[in-house]
Amino acid sequence: MSFSESAIVAAIVFVAALLQVTLFASMDVAGGVADVLLLTLLSIALLRGPVVGAAAGFFGGLLVDVLTLDTLGVTALLYSLAGYWAGRYGETTGRERAHAPLLAVLVATIGVAFAGYGLHFLLGEELSARRALVETLLPTLVLNLAVARPVFALCRASLRRSAVGDRATEVKLLG
């Protein structure tokens, strides 16, 4: 990945983190909030692979932790794992499949919610399991799925296709 492409990824993640903290965090719809930063990270990971997805996830999560004064590193860890997983999923199933972004959003939203609750519980923070995993998860999941396609399209347009030889097209098992 070239320096200019890295700068574009960093700018996209920075803008998405700022929008998430300032604009989207206050847009509560039926108890859920769309996580545009997570959607952006998943899109970048699907388009550019697991290493870029994990790095973008860490950078974006750390920004959110700092901007919201939340426990430093929790969101960074969760988004790094989600970005890495989405990148691996994109490598192994094919990036061009129409259902790939929606399935990645579905799994990552649920995974981040459960893992986030578990991490906060392990850290001894006060958090209601009913609120985190029942009342807000379904509305957040619906909002994320509704916003996933436009976010993916914007990320794809921003990150023009690299040369086919620059990225892995399939995974082979050696035996």
C-alpha atoms as a PDB file:
ATOM      1  CA  MET A   1       0.000   0.000   0.000  1.00  0.00           C
ATOM      2  CA  SER A   2       1.427   3.334  -1.030  1.00  0.00           C
ATOM      3  CA  PHE A   3       1.868   6.359   1.202  1.00  0.00           C
ATOM      4  CA  SER A   4      -0.908   8.273  -0.549  1.00  0.00           C
ATOM      5  CA  GLU A   5      -3.332   5.385  -0.098  1.00  0.00           C
ATOM      6  CA  SER A   6      -2.352   5.138   3.590  1.00  0.00           C
ATOM      7  CA  ALA A   7      -3.035   8.856   3.981  1.00  0.00           C
ATOM      8  CA  ILE A   8      -6.454   8.436   2.363  1.00  0.00           C
ATOM      9  CA  VAL A   9      -7.311   5.554   4.718  1.00  0.00           C
ATOM     10  CA  ALA A  10      -6.176   7.593   7.730  1.00  0.00           C
ATOM     11  CA  ALA A  11      -8.249  10.594   6.610  1.00  0.00           C
ATOM     12  CA  ILE A  12     -11.343   8.435   6.060  1.00  0.00           C
ATOM     13  CA  VAL A  13     -11.003   6.857   9.503  1.00  0.00           C
ATOM     14  CA  PHE A  14     -10.374  10.242  11.151  1.00  0.00           C
ATOM     15  CA  VAL A  15     -13.470  11.798   9.561  1.00  0.00           C
ATOM     16  CA  ALA A  16     -15.594   8.744  10.387  1.00  0.00           C
ATOM     17  CA  ALA A  17     -14.447   8.834  14.037  1.00  0.00           C
ATOM     18  CA  LEU A  18     -15.244  12.532  14.326  1.00  0.00           C
ATOM     19  CA  LEU A  19     -18.666  12.035  12.733  1.00  0.00           C
ATOM     20  CA  GLN A  20     -19.367   9.080  15.014  1.00  0.00           C
ATOM     21  CA  VAL A  21     -18.532  10.982  18.183  1.00  0.00           C
ATOM     22  CA  THR A  22     -20.110  14.315  17.270  1.00  0.00           C
ATOM     23  CA  LEU A  23     -23.065  13.588  15.001  1.00  0.00           C
ATOM     24  CA  PHE A  24     -24.121   9.957  15.014  1.00  0.00           C
ATOM     25  CA  ALA A  25     -23.740   9.354  18.770  1.00  0.00           C
ATOM     26  CA  SER A  26     -26.560  11.818  19.408  1.00  0.00           C
ATOM     27  CA  MET A  27     -28.897  10.271  16.788  1.00  0.00           C
ATOM     28  CA  ASP A  28     -30.731   7.745  18.938  1.00  0.00           C
ATOM     29  CA  VAL A  29     -33.342   5.840  16.905  1.00  0.00           C
ATOM     30  CA  ALA A  30     -35.493   3.401  18.901  1.00  0.00           C
ATOM     31  CA  GLY A  31     -32.683   2.950  21.419  1.00  0.00           C
ATOM     32  CA  GLY A  32     -29.936   2.239  18.882  1.00  0.00           C
ATOM     33  CA  VAL A  33     -27.180   4.325  17.340  1.00  0.00           C
ATOM     34  CA  ALA A  34     -25.627   3.669  13.935  1.00  0.00           C
ATOM     35  CA  ASP A  35     -21.914   2.938  14.265  1.00  0.00           C
ATOM     36  CA  VAL A  36     -20.546   4.629  11.153  1.00  0.00           C
ATOM     37  CA  LEU A  37     -16.957   4.187  12.271  1.00  0.00           C
ATOM     38  CA  LEU A  38     -17.399   0.414  12.523  1.00  0.00           C
ATOM     39  CA  LEU A  39     -19.017   0.361   9.077  1.00  0.00           C
ATOM     40  CA  THR A  40     -16.142   2.394   7.652  1.00  0.00           C
ATOM     41  CA  LEU A  41     -13.558   0.088   9.204  1.00  0.00           C
ATOM     42  CA  LEU A  42     -15.313  -2.989   7.873  1.00  0.00           C
ATOM     43  CA  SER A  43     -15.461  -1.453   4.403  1.00  0.00           C
ATOM     44  CA  ILE A  44     -11.769  -0.575   4.449  1.00  0.00           C
ATOM     45  CA  ALA A  45     -10.884  -4.053   5.706  1.00  0.00           C
ATOM     46  CA  LEU A  46     -12.971  -5.760   3.029  1.00  0.00           C
ATOM     47  CA  LEU A  47     -11.355  -3.631   0.343  1.00  0.00           C
ATOM     48  CA  ARG A  48      -7.737  -3.625   1.586  1.00  0.00           C
ATOM     49  CA  GLY A  49      -7.225  -6.711   3.759  1.00  0.00           C
ATOM     50  CA  PRO A  50      -6.699  -7.682   7.393  1.00  0.00           C
ATOM     51  CA  VAL A  51      -3.537  -5.703   8.188  1.00  0.00           C
ATOM     52  CA  VAL A  52      -4.972  -2.423   6.938  1.00  0.00           C
ATOM     53  CA  GLY A  53      -8.308  -3.257   8.624  1.00  0.00           C
ATOM     54  CA  ALA A  54      -6.659  -3.940  11.981  1.00  0.00           C
ATOM     55  CA  ALA A  55      -4.499  -0.807  11.797  1.00  0.00           C
ATOM     56  CA  ALA A  56      -7.473   1.354  10.811  1.00  0.00           C
ATOM     57  CA  GLY A  57      -9.527  -0.248  13.585  1.00  0.00           C
ATOM     58  CA  PHE A  58      -6.898   0.506  16.188  1.00  0.00           C
ATOM     59  CA  PHE A  59      -6.475   4.111  14.999  1.00  0.00           C
ATOM     60  CA  GLY A  60     -10.236   4.732  14.836  1.00  0.00           C
ATOM     61  CA  GLY A  61     -10.950   3.021  18.144  1.00  0.00           C
ATOM     62  CA  LEU A  62      -8.204   4.949  19.895  1.00  0.00           C
ATOM     63  CA  LEU A  63      -9.607   8.204  18.522  1.00  0.00           C
ATOM     64  CA  VAL A  64     -13.069   7.325  19.828  1.00  0.00           C
ATOM     65  CA  ASP A  65     -11.657   6.358  23.233  1.00  0.00           C
ATOM     66  CA  VAL A  66      -9.771   9.650  23.504  1.00  0.00           C
ATOM     67  CA  LEU A  67     -12.618  11.818  22.209  1.00  0.00           C
ATOM     68  CA  THR A  68     -15.262  10.249  24.471  1.00  0.00           C
ATOM     69  CA  LEU A  69     -12.965   9.857  27.508  1.00  0.00           C
ATOM     70  CA  ASP A  70     -13.953   6.197  27.665  1.00  0.00           C
ATOM     71  CA  THR A  71     -11.672   3.471  29.017  1.00  0.00           C
ATOM     72  CA  LEU A  72      -8.559   3.854  26.883  1.00  0.00           C
ATOM     73  CA  GLY A  73      -7.960   0.918  24.568  1.00  0.00           C
ATOM     74  CA  VAL A  74     -11.256  -0.965  24.803  1.00  0.00           C
ATOM     75  CA  THR A  75     -12.748   0.387  21.591  1.00  0.00           C
ATOM     76  CA  ALA A  76      -9.337   0.234  19.916  1.00  0.00           C
ATOM     77  CA  LEU A  77      -9.051  -3.466  20.744  1.00  0.00           C
ATOM     78  CA  LEU A  78     -12.592  -4.272  19.620  1.00  0.00           C
ATOM     79  CA  TYR A  79     -12.274  -2.381  16.332  1.00  0.00           C
ATOM     80  CA  SER A  80      -8.835  -3.860  15.635  1.00  0.00           C
ATOM     81  CA  LEU A  81     -10.258  -7.352  15.970  1.00  0.00           C
ATOM     82  CA  ALA A  82     -13.294  -6.473  13.860  1.00  0.00           C
ATOM     83  CA  GLY A  83     -11.090  -4.935  11.148  1.00  0.00           C
ATOM     84  CA  TYR A  84      -8.764  -7.924  11.087  1.00  0.00           C
ATOM     85  CA  TRP A  85     -11.649 -10.386  10.923  1.00  0.00           C
ATOM     86  CA  ALA A  86     -13.387  -8.468   8.130  1.00  0.00           C
ATOM     87  CA  GLY A  87     -10.152  -8.328   6.153  1.00  0.00           C
ATOM     88  CA  ARG A  88      -9.648 -12.079   6.495  1.00  0.00           C
ATOM     89  CA  TYR A  89     -13.272 -12.642   5.548  1.00  0.00           C
ATOM     90  CA  GLY A  90     -12.793 -10.498   2.454  1.00  0.00           C
ATOM     91  CA  GLU A  91      -9.695 -12.455   1.447  1.00  0.00           C
ATOM     92  CA  THR A  92     -11.239 -15.873   1.859  1.00  0.00           C
ATOM     93  CA  THR A  93     -14.710 -15.336   0.387  1.00  0.00           C
ATOM     94  CA  GLY A  94     -14.130 -12.811  -2.351  1.00  0.00           C
ATOM     95  CA  ARG A  95     -14.500  -9.074  -2.042  1.00  0.00           C
ATOM     96  CA  GLU A  96     -16.875  -8.717  -4.957  1.00  0.00           C
ATOM     97  CA  ARG A  97     -19.768 -10.713  -3.517  1.00  0.00           C
ATOM     98  CA  ALA A  98     -22.820  -8.550  -2.955  1.00  0.00           C
ATOM     99  CA  HIS A  99     -23.613 -10.004   0.467  1.00  0.00           C
ATOM    100  CA  ALA A 100     -20.084  -9.672   1.894  1.00  0.00           C
ATOM    101  CA  PRO A 101     -20.491  -6.154   3.385  1.00  0.00           C
ATOM    102  CA  LEU A 102     -23.883  -6.938   4.921  1.00  0.00           C
ATOM    103  CA  LEU A 103     -22.739 -10.225   6.435  1.00  0.00           C
ATOM    104  CA  ALA A 104     -19.596  -8.554   7.795  1.00  0.00           C
ATOM    105  CA  VAL A 105     -21.729  -5.796   9.362  1.00  0.00           C
ATOM    106  CA  LEU A 106     -24.115  -8.347  10.898  1.00  0.00           C
ATOM    107  CA  VAL A 107     -21.378 -10.462  12.474  1.00  0.00           C
ATOM    108  CA  ALA A 108     -19.161  -7.557  13.539  1.00  0.00           C
ATOM    109  CA  THR A 109     -21.996  -5.566  15.138  1.00  0.00           C
ATOM    110  CA  ILE A 110     -23.053  -8.548  17.235  1.00  0.00           C
ATOM    111  CA  GLY A 111     -19.450  -9.505  18.001  1.00  0.00           C
ATOM    112  CA  VAL A 112     -18.435  -6.005  19.063  1.00  0.00           C
ATOM    113  CA  ALA A 113     -21.517  -5.702  21.299  1.00  0.00           C
ATOM    114  CA  PHE A 114     -20.901  -8.987  23.104  1.00  0.00           C
ATOM    115  CA  ALA A 115     -17.116  -8.593  23.328  1.00  0.00           C
ATOM    116  CA  GLY A 116     -17.514  -4.985  24.483  1.00  0.00           C
ATOM    117  CA  TYR A 117     -19.900  -6.038  27.216  1.00  0.00           C
ATOM    118  CA  GLY A 118     -17.481  -8.779  28.260  1.00  0.00           C
ATOM    119  CA  LEU A 119     -14.502  -6.424  28.384  1.00  0.00           C
ATOM    120  CA  HIS A 120     -16.378  -3.807  30.387  1.00  0.00           C
ATOM    121  CA  PHE A 121     -17.562  -6.532  32.778  1.00  0.00           C
ATOM    122  CA  LEU A 122     -14.001  -7.828  33.204  1.00  0.00           C
ATOM    123  CA  LEU A 123     -12.802  -4.307  33.925  1.00  0.00           C
ATOM    124  CA  GLY A 124     -15.405  -4.011  36.675  1.00  0.00           C
ATOM    125  CA  GLU A 125     -17.374  -1.198  35.076  1.00  0.00           C
ATOM    126  CA  GLU A 126     -21.077  -0.725  35.745  1.00  0.00           C
ATOM    127  CA  LEU A 127     -23.000  -1.868  32.672  1.00  0.00           C
ATOM    128  CA  SER A 128     -26.464  -3.322  32.259  1.00  0.00           C
ATOM    129  CA  ALA A 129     -26.458  -6.548  30.229  1.00  0.00           C
ATOM    130  CA  ARG A 130     -30.106  -6.045  29.345  1.00  0.00           C
ATOM    131  CA  ARG A 131     -29.466  -2.539  28.029  1.00  0.00           C
ATOM    132  CA  ALA A 132     -26.268  -3.445  26.157  1.00  0.00           C
ATOM    133  CA  LEU A 133     -27.273  -6.784  24.661  1.00  0.00           C
ATOM    134  CA  VAL A 134     -31.069  -6.702  24.404  1.00  0.00           C
ATOM    135  CA  GLU A 135     -32.479  -3.187  24.212  1.00  0.00           C
ATOM    136  CA  THR A 136     -29.841  -1.515  22.030  1.00  0.00           C
ATOM    137  CA  LEU A 137     -28.400  -4.385  19.973  1.00  0.00           C
ATOM    138  CA  LEU A 138     -31.341  -4.981  17.621  1.00  0.00           C
ATOM    139  CA  PRO A 139     -31.963  -1.293  16.763  1.00  0.00           C
ATOM    140  CA  THR A 140     -28.212  -0.740  16.293  1.00  0.00           C
ATOM    141  CA  LEU A 141     -28.004  -3.806  14.062  1.00  0.00           C
ATOM    142  CA  VAL A 142     -30.909  -2.599  11.903  1.00  0.00           C
ATOM    143  CA  LEU A 143     -29.412   0.902  11.614  1.00  0.00           C
ATOM    144  CA  ASN A 144     -25.967  -0.481  10.747  1.00  0.00           C
ATOM    145  CA  LEU A 145     -27.435  -2.726   8.053  1.00  0.00           C
ATOM    146  CA  ALA A 146     -29.419   0.199   6.639  1.00  0.00           C
ATOM    147  CA  VAL A 147     -26.364   2.457   6.402  1.00  0.00           C
ATOM    148  CA  ALA A 148     -23.874  -0.249   5.343  1.00  0.00           C
ATOM    149  CA  ARG A 149     -24.334  -0.057   1.568  1.00  0.00           C
ATOM    150  CA  PRO A 150     -23.845   3.735   1.240  1.00  0.00           C
ATOM    151  CA  VAL A 151     -20.792   3.689   3.527  1.00  0.00           C
ATOM    152  CA  PHE A 152     -19.279   0.790   1.584  1.00  0.00           C
ATOM    153  CA  ALA A 153     -19.931   2.589  -1.716  1.00  0.00           C
ATOM    154  CA  LEU A 154     -18.276   5.787  -0.418  1.00  0.00           C
ATOM    155  CA  CYS A 155     -15.230   3.869   0.818  1.00  0.00           C
ATOM    156  CA  ARG A 156     -14.953   1.967  -2.462  1.00  0.00           C
ATOM    157  CA  ALA A 157     -15.109   5.232  -4.414  1.00  0.00           C
ATOM    158  CA  SER A 158     -12.512   6.863  -2.146  1.00  0.00           C
ATOM    159  CA  LEU A 159     -10.136   3.913  -2.326  1.00  0.00           C
ATOM    160  CA  ARG A 160      -9.799   3.334  -6.029  1.00  0.00           C
ATOM    161  CA  ARG A 161      -9.019  -0.202  -7.058  1.00  0.00           C
ATOM    162  CA  SER A 162      -5.361  -1.071  -6.796  1.00  0.00           C
ATOM    163  CA  ALA A 163      -3.690  -3.221  -9.395  1.00  0.00           C
ATOM    164  CA  VAL A 164      -4.840  -6.833  -9.307  1.00  0.00           C
ATOM    165  CA  GLY A 165      -1.292  -8.051  -8.697  1.00  0.00           C
ATOM    166  CA  ASP A 166      -1.010  -5.981  -5.512  1.00  0.00           C
ATOM    167  CA  ARG A 167      -3.463  -8.041  -3.505  1.00  0.00           C
ATOM    168  CA  ALA A 168      -4.277 -11.663  -2.814  1.00  0.00           C
ATOM    169  CA  THR A 169      -7.080 -13.089  -4.930  1.00  0.00           C
ATOM    170  CA  GLU A 170      -7.452 -16.454  -3.243  1.00  0.00           C
ATOM    171  CA  VAL A 171      -6.145 -18.499  -0.360  1.00  0.00           C
ATOM    172  CA  LYS A 172      -4.487 -21.858  -1.042  1.00  0.00           C
ATOM    173  CA  LEU A 173      -4.001 -24.610   1.496  1.00  0.00           C
ATOM    174  CA  LEU A 174      -0.590 -26.251   1.373  1.00  0.00           C
ATOM    175  CA  GLY A 175      -0.592 -29.906   2.144  1.00  0.00           C
END
